[in-house]
Amino acid sequence: MLKRERARARELGASQWWKRRIADGKCFYCGRTVGARALTMDHVVPLGRGGRSVRGNVVAACKPCNTKKRSLVPVEWAAYLRSLDAVSDE
């Protein structure tokens, strides 16, 4: 199943929908504008955690955010971001 979902992700990445999605060059997570070529496809719910390669589960992310997110699901990612805020408030 993982192999099939990765193939679907490659197809989605070649689609006009994805090209329009990344055209503004903005990272979904940090909001920085890095340019369309610097964006990667991130599965909000990772494939290894049961996510699918469908439009509703993929976002454009800069490489640093995609790397930091790893295989976290949205609730875990939100907790991680809150922990960063708590550290910066100290």
N, C-alpha and C. Protein backbone atom coordinates (compact mmCIF):
# COMPACT_ATOMS: atom_id res chain seq x y z
N MET A 1 0.83 -1.20 0.00
CA MET A 1 0.00 0.00 0.00
C MET A 1 0.87 1.26 0.00
N LEU A 2 1.96 1.27 0.75
CA LEU A 2 2.84 2.43 0.81
C LEU A 2 3.42 2.75 -0.57
N LYS A 3 3.79 1.73 -1.29
CA LYS A 3 4.34 1.91 -2.64
C LYS A 3 3.29 2.56 -3.55
N ARG A 4 2.07 2.13 -3.44
CA ARG A 4 0.98 2.69 -4.26
C ARG A 4 0.72 4.15 -3.89
N GLU A 5 0.73 4.47 -2.61
CA GLU A 5 0.50 5.85 -2.17
C GLU A 5 1.64 6.78 -2.62
N ARG A 6 2.86 6.28 -2.60
CA ARG A 6 3.98 7.09 -3.09
C ARG A 6 3.85 7.35 -4.58
N ALA A 7 3.38 6.36 -5.33
CA ALA A 7 3.16 6.53 -6.77
C ALA A 7 2.06 7.58 -6.99
N ARG A 8 1.02 7.52 -6.18
CA ARG A 8 -0.06 8.52 -6.29
C ARG A 8 0.47 9.92 -5.97
N ALA A 9 1.37 10.02 -5.00
CA ALA A 9 1.95 11.32 -4.65
C ALA A 9 2.75 11.87 -5.83
N ARG A 10 3.50 11.02 -6.51
CA ARG A 10 4.26 11.48 -7.69
C ARG A 10 3.31 11.97 -8.78
N GLU A 11 2.20 11.26 -8.98
CA GLU A 11 1.21 11.69 -9.98
C GLU A 11 0.60 13.04 -9.58
N LEU A 12 0.28 13.17 -8.31
CA LEU A 12 -0.30 14.41 -7.81
C LEU A 12 0.69 15.56 -7.97
N GLY A 13 1.97 15.30 -7.72
CA GLY A 13 3.00 16.32 -7.86
C GLY A 13 3.19 16.81 -9.28
N ALA A 14 2.81 15.98 -10.25
CA ALA A 14 2.93 16.37 -11.65
C ALA A 14 1.65 17.03 -12.18
N SER A 15 0.63 17.10 -11.36
CA SER A 15 -0.66 17.62 -11.83
C SER A 15 -0.70 19.14 -11.87
N GLN A 16 -1.60 19.67 -12.66
CA GLN A 16 -1.81 21.12 -12.73
C GLN A 16 -2.31 21.65 -11.40
N TRP A 17 -3.09 20.86 -10.69
CA TRP A 17 -3.59 21.26 -9.38
C TRP A 17 -2.42 21.58 -8.45
N TRP A 18 -1.44 20.70 -8.40
CA TRP A 18 -0.28 20.92 -7.52
C TRP A 18 0.53 22.13 -7.98
N LYS A 19 0.70 22.28 -9.28
CA LYS A 19 1.45 23.42 -9.81
C LYS A 19 0.79 24.74 -9.43
N ARG A 20 -0.54 24.78 -9.46
CA ARG A 20 -1.25 25.98 -9.02
C ARG A 20 -1.10 26.16 -7.51
N ARG A 21 -1.08 25.06 -6.80
CA ARG A 21 -0.98 25.10 -5.33
C ARG A 21 0.35 25.69 -4.87
N ILE A 22 1.42 25.41 -5.58
CA ILE A 22 2.73 25.88 -5.17
C ILE A 22 3.15 27.19 -5.85
N ALA A 23 2.33 27.69 -6.75
CA ALA A 23 2.69 28.86 -7.55
C ALA A 23 3.06 30.08 -6.70
N ASP A 24 2.39 30.26 -5.56
CA ASP A 24 2.70 31.43 -4.72
C ASP A 24 3.99 31.24 -3.92
N GLY A 25 4.51 30.01 -3.87
CA GLY A 25 5.79 29.75 -3.21
C GLY A 25 5.77 29.86 -1.70
N LYS A 26 4.59 29.73 -1.09
CA LYS A 26 4.45 29.94 0.34
C LYS A 26 4.33 28.60 1.09
N CYS A 27 5.07 28.50 2.19
CA CYS A 27 5.04 27.31 3.04
C CYS A 27 3.76 27.28 3.86
N PHE A 28 3.10 26.15 3.88
CA PHE A 28 1.86 25.98 4.64
C PHE A 28 2.11 26.15 6.14
N TYR A 29 3.24 25.68 6.63
CA TYR A 29 3.50 25.67 8.06
C TYR A 29 4.03 26.98 8.61
N CYS A 30 5.05 27.53 8.01
CA CYS A 30 5.66 28.76 8.57
C CYS A 30 5.19 30.03 7.87
N GLY A 31 4.59 29.89 6.70
CA GLY A 31 4.08 31.05 5.99
C GLY A 31 5.11 31.84 5.21
N ARG A 32 6.38 31.42 5.27
CA ARG A 32 7.42 32.13 4.53
C ARG A 32 7.27 31.89 3.04
N THR A 33 7.63 32.88 2.24
CA THR A 33 7.65 32.73 0.80
C THR A 33 9.06 32.30 0.41
N VAL A 34 9.17 31.08 -0.12
CA VAL A 34 10.48 30.52 -0.46
C VAL A 34 10.61 30.24 -1.95
N GLY A 35 9.52 30.40 -2.69
CA GLY A 35 9.53 30.11 -4.12
C GLY A 35 9.01 28.70 -4.39
N ALA A 36 8.36 28.56 -5.50
CA ALA A 36 7.73 27.28 -5.84
C ALA A 36 8.73 26.13 -5.93
N ARG A 37 9.92 26.40 -6.43
CA ARG A 37 10.90 25.33 -6.60
C ARG A 37 11.47 24.83 -5.27
N ALA A 38 11.36 25.64 -4.23
CA ALA A 38 11.90 25.26 -2.92
C ALA A 38 10.87 24.54 -2.05
N LEU A 39 9.64 24.40 -2.54
CA LEU A 39 8.61 23.74 -1.76
C LEU A 39 8.61 22.23 -2.01
N THR A 40 8.26 21.50 -0.96
CA THR A 40 8.13 20.05 -1.06
C THR A 40 6.69 19.68 -0.74
N MET A 41 6.31 18.50 -1.15
CA MET A 41 4.97 18.01 -0.84
C MET A 41 5.03 17.31 0.51
N ASP A 42 4.19 17.75 1.43
CA ASP A 42 4.12 17.12 2.74
C ASP A 42 2.74 16.52 2.93
N HIS A 43 2.71 15.30 3.43
CA HIS A 43 1.45 14.66 3.78
C HIS A 43 1.11 15.09 5.20
N VAL A 44 -0.02 15.75 5.39
CA VAL A 44 -0.43 16.23 6.70
C VAL A 44 -0.50 15.05 7.66
N VAL A 45 -1.19 14.00 7.28
CA VAL A 45 -1.13 12.72 7.99
C VAL A 45 -0.18 11.86 7.18
N PRO A 46 1.01 11.59 7.70
CA PRO A 46 2.04 10.87 6.95
C PRO A 46 1.59 9.50 6.45
N LEU A 47 2.16 9.10 5.32
CA LEU A 47 1.82 7.80 4.75
C LEU A 47 2.07 6.68 5.74
N GLY A 48 3.15 6.76 6.48
CA GLY A 48 3.49 5.74 7.45
C GLY A 48 2.55 5.68 8.64
N ARG A 49 1.69 6.69 8.78
CA ARG A 49 0.74 6.74 9.88
C ARG A 49 -0.70 6.61 9.37
N GLY A 50 -0.83 6.10 8.13
CA GLY A 50 -2.16 5.85 7.58
C GLY A 50 -2.69 6.92 6.66
N GLY A 51 -1.90 7.94 6.36
CA GLY A 51 -2.33 9.01 5.46
C GLY A 51 -2.41 8.53 4.02
N ARG A 52 -3.07 9.30 3.21
CA ARG A 52 -3.23 8.96 1.79
C ARG A 52 -2.69 10.09 0.94
N SER A 53 -2.40 9.77 -0.29
CA SER A 53 -1.93 10.78 -1.25
C SER A 53 -3.12 11.33 -2.00
N VAL A 54 -3.87 12.17 -1.31
CA VAL A 54 -5.05 12.82 -1.90
C VAL A 54 -4.93 14.32 -1.66
N ARG A 55 -5.66 15.09 -2.42
CA ARG A 55 -5.57 16.56 -2.33
C ARG A 55 -5.78 17.09 -0.93
N GLY A 56 -6.67 16.52 -0.18
CA GLY A 56 -6.96 17.01 1.16
C GLY A 56 -5.89 16.69 2.19
N ASN A 57 -4.92 15.87 1.82
CA ASN A 57 -3.90 15.46 2.79
C ASN A 57 -2.50 15.92 2.42
N VAL A 58 -2.35 16.71 1.37
CA VAL A 58 -1.02 17.18 1.01
C VAL A 58 -0.99 18.70 1.02
N VAL A 59 0.13 19.24 1.50
CA VAL A 59 0.34 20.68 1.53
C VAL A 59 1.75 20.97 1.05
N ALA A 60 1.96 22.20 0.65
CA ALA A 60 3.28 22.64 0.22
C ALA A 60 4.04 23.14 1.44
N ALA A 61 5.23 22.60 1.65
CA ALA A 61 6.03 22.98 2.82
C ALA A 61 7.47 23.23 2.38
N CYS A 62 8.11 24.19 3.07
CA CYS A 62 9.53 24.39 2.81
C CYS A 62 10.28 23.20 3.40
N LYS A 63 11.48 22.97 2.91
CA LYS A 63 12.26 21.81 3.36
C LYS A 63 12.50 21.82 4.87
N PRO A 64 12.87 22.96 5.49
CA PRO A 64 13.08 22.93 6.94
C PRO A 64 11.83 22.51 7.72
N CYS A 65 10.66 23.03 7.34
CA CYS A 65 9.43 22.65 8.04
C CYS A 65 9.10 21.18 7.81
N ASN A 66 9.25 20.73 6.57
CA ASN A 66 8.96 19.33 6.25
C ASN A 66 9.88 18.41 7.04
N THR A 67 11.14 18.79 7.16
CA THR A 67 12.10 17.97 7.92
C THR A 67 11.76 17.96 9.41
N LYS A 68 11.40 19.12 9.96
CA LYS A 68 11.06 19.20 11.38
C LYS A 68 9.79 18.42 11.70
N LYS A 69 8.83 18.44 10.80
CA LYS A 69 7.55 17.77 11.05
C LYS A 69 7.71 16.26 11.09
N ARG A 70 8.63 15.73 10.31
CA ARG A 70 8.88 14.29 10.25
C ARG A 70 7.57 13.53 10.05
N SER A 71 7.28 12.59 10.93
CA SER A 71 6.07 11.78 10.77
C SER A 71 5.01 12.13 11.80
N LEU A 72 5.01 13.39 12.24
CA LEU A 72 4.01 13.82 13.21
C LEU A 72 2.66 14.03 12.55
N VAL A 73 1.60 13.69 13.27
CA VAL A 73 0.25 13.98 12.81
C VAL A 73 -0.09 15.39 13.28
N PRO A 74 -1.14 16.01 12.76
CA PRO A 74 -1.43 17.41 13.09
C PRO A 74 -1.47 17.74 14.58
N VAL A 75 -2.08 16.92 15.39
CA VAL A 75 -2.17 17.23 16.82
C VAL A 75 -0.78 17.18 17.47
N GLU A 76 0.08 16.29 17.04
CA GLU A 76 1.44 16.22 17.56
C GLU A 76 2.27 17.41 17.10
N TRP A 77 2.08 17.82 15.85
CA TRP A 77 2.79 18.99 15.32
C TRP A 77 2.37 20.25 16.09
N ALA A 78 1.07 20.39 16.37
CA ALA A 78 0.58 21.55 17.11
C ALA A 78 1.19 21.56 18.52
N ALA A 79 1.30 20.40 19.16
CA ALA A 79 1.91 20.33 20.49
C ALA A 79 3.38 20.72 20.42
N TYR A 80 4.06 20.29 19.38
CA TYR A 80 5.46 20.65 19.18
C TYR A 80 5.62 22.17 19.06
N LEU A 81 4.76 22.80 18.26
CA LEU A 81 4.82 24.25 18.08
C LEU A 81 4.53 24.98 19.40
N ARG A 82 3.57 24.47 20.18
CA ARG A 82 3.28 25.08 21.48
C ARG A 82 4.48 24.97 22.41
N SER A 83 5.18 23.85 22.35
CA SER A 83 6.36 23.68 23.21
C SER A 83 7.45 24.69 22.82
N LEU A 84 7.56 25.00 21.54
CA LEU A 84 8.53 26.01 21.11
C LEU A 84 8.15 27.38 21.64
N ASP A 85 6.86 27.69 21.62
CA ASP A 85 6.38 28.97 22.14
C ASP A 85 6.65 29.07 23.64
N ALA A 86 6.45 27.98 24.36
CA ALA A 86 6.68 27.98 25.81
C ALA A 86 8.14 28.22 26.12
N VAL A 87 9.01 27.64 25.33
CA VAL A 87 10.45 27.83 25.54
C VAL A 87 10.85 29.27 25.24
N SER A 88 10.29 29.85 24.20
CA SER A 88 10.65 31.23 23.84
C SER A 88 10.07 32.25 24.81
N ASP A 89 9.01 31.87 25.54
CA ASP A 89 8.41 32.78 26.52
C ASP A 89 9.22 32.84 27.81
N GLU A 90 10.06 31.86 28.04
CA GLU A 90 10.83 31.81 29.30
C GLU A 90 11.94 32.80 29.32
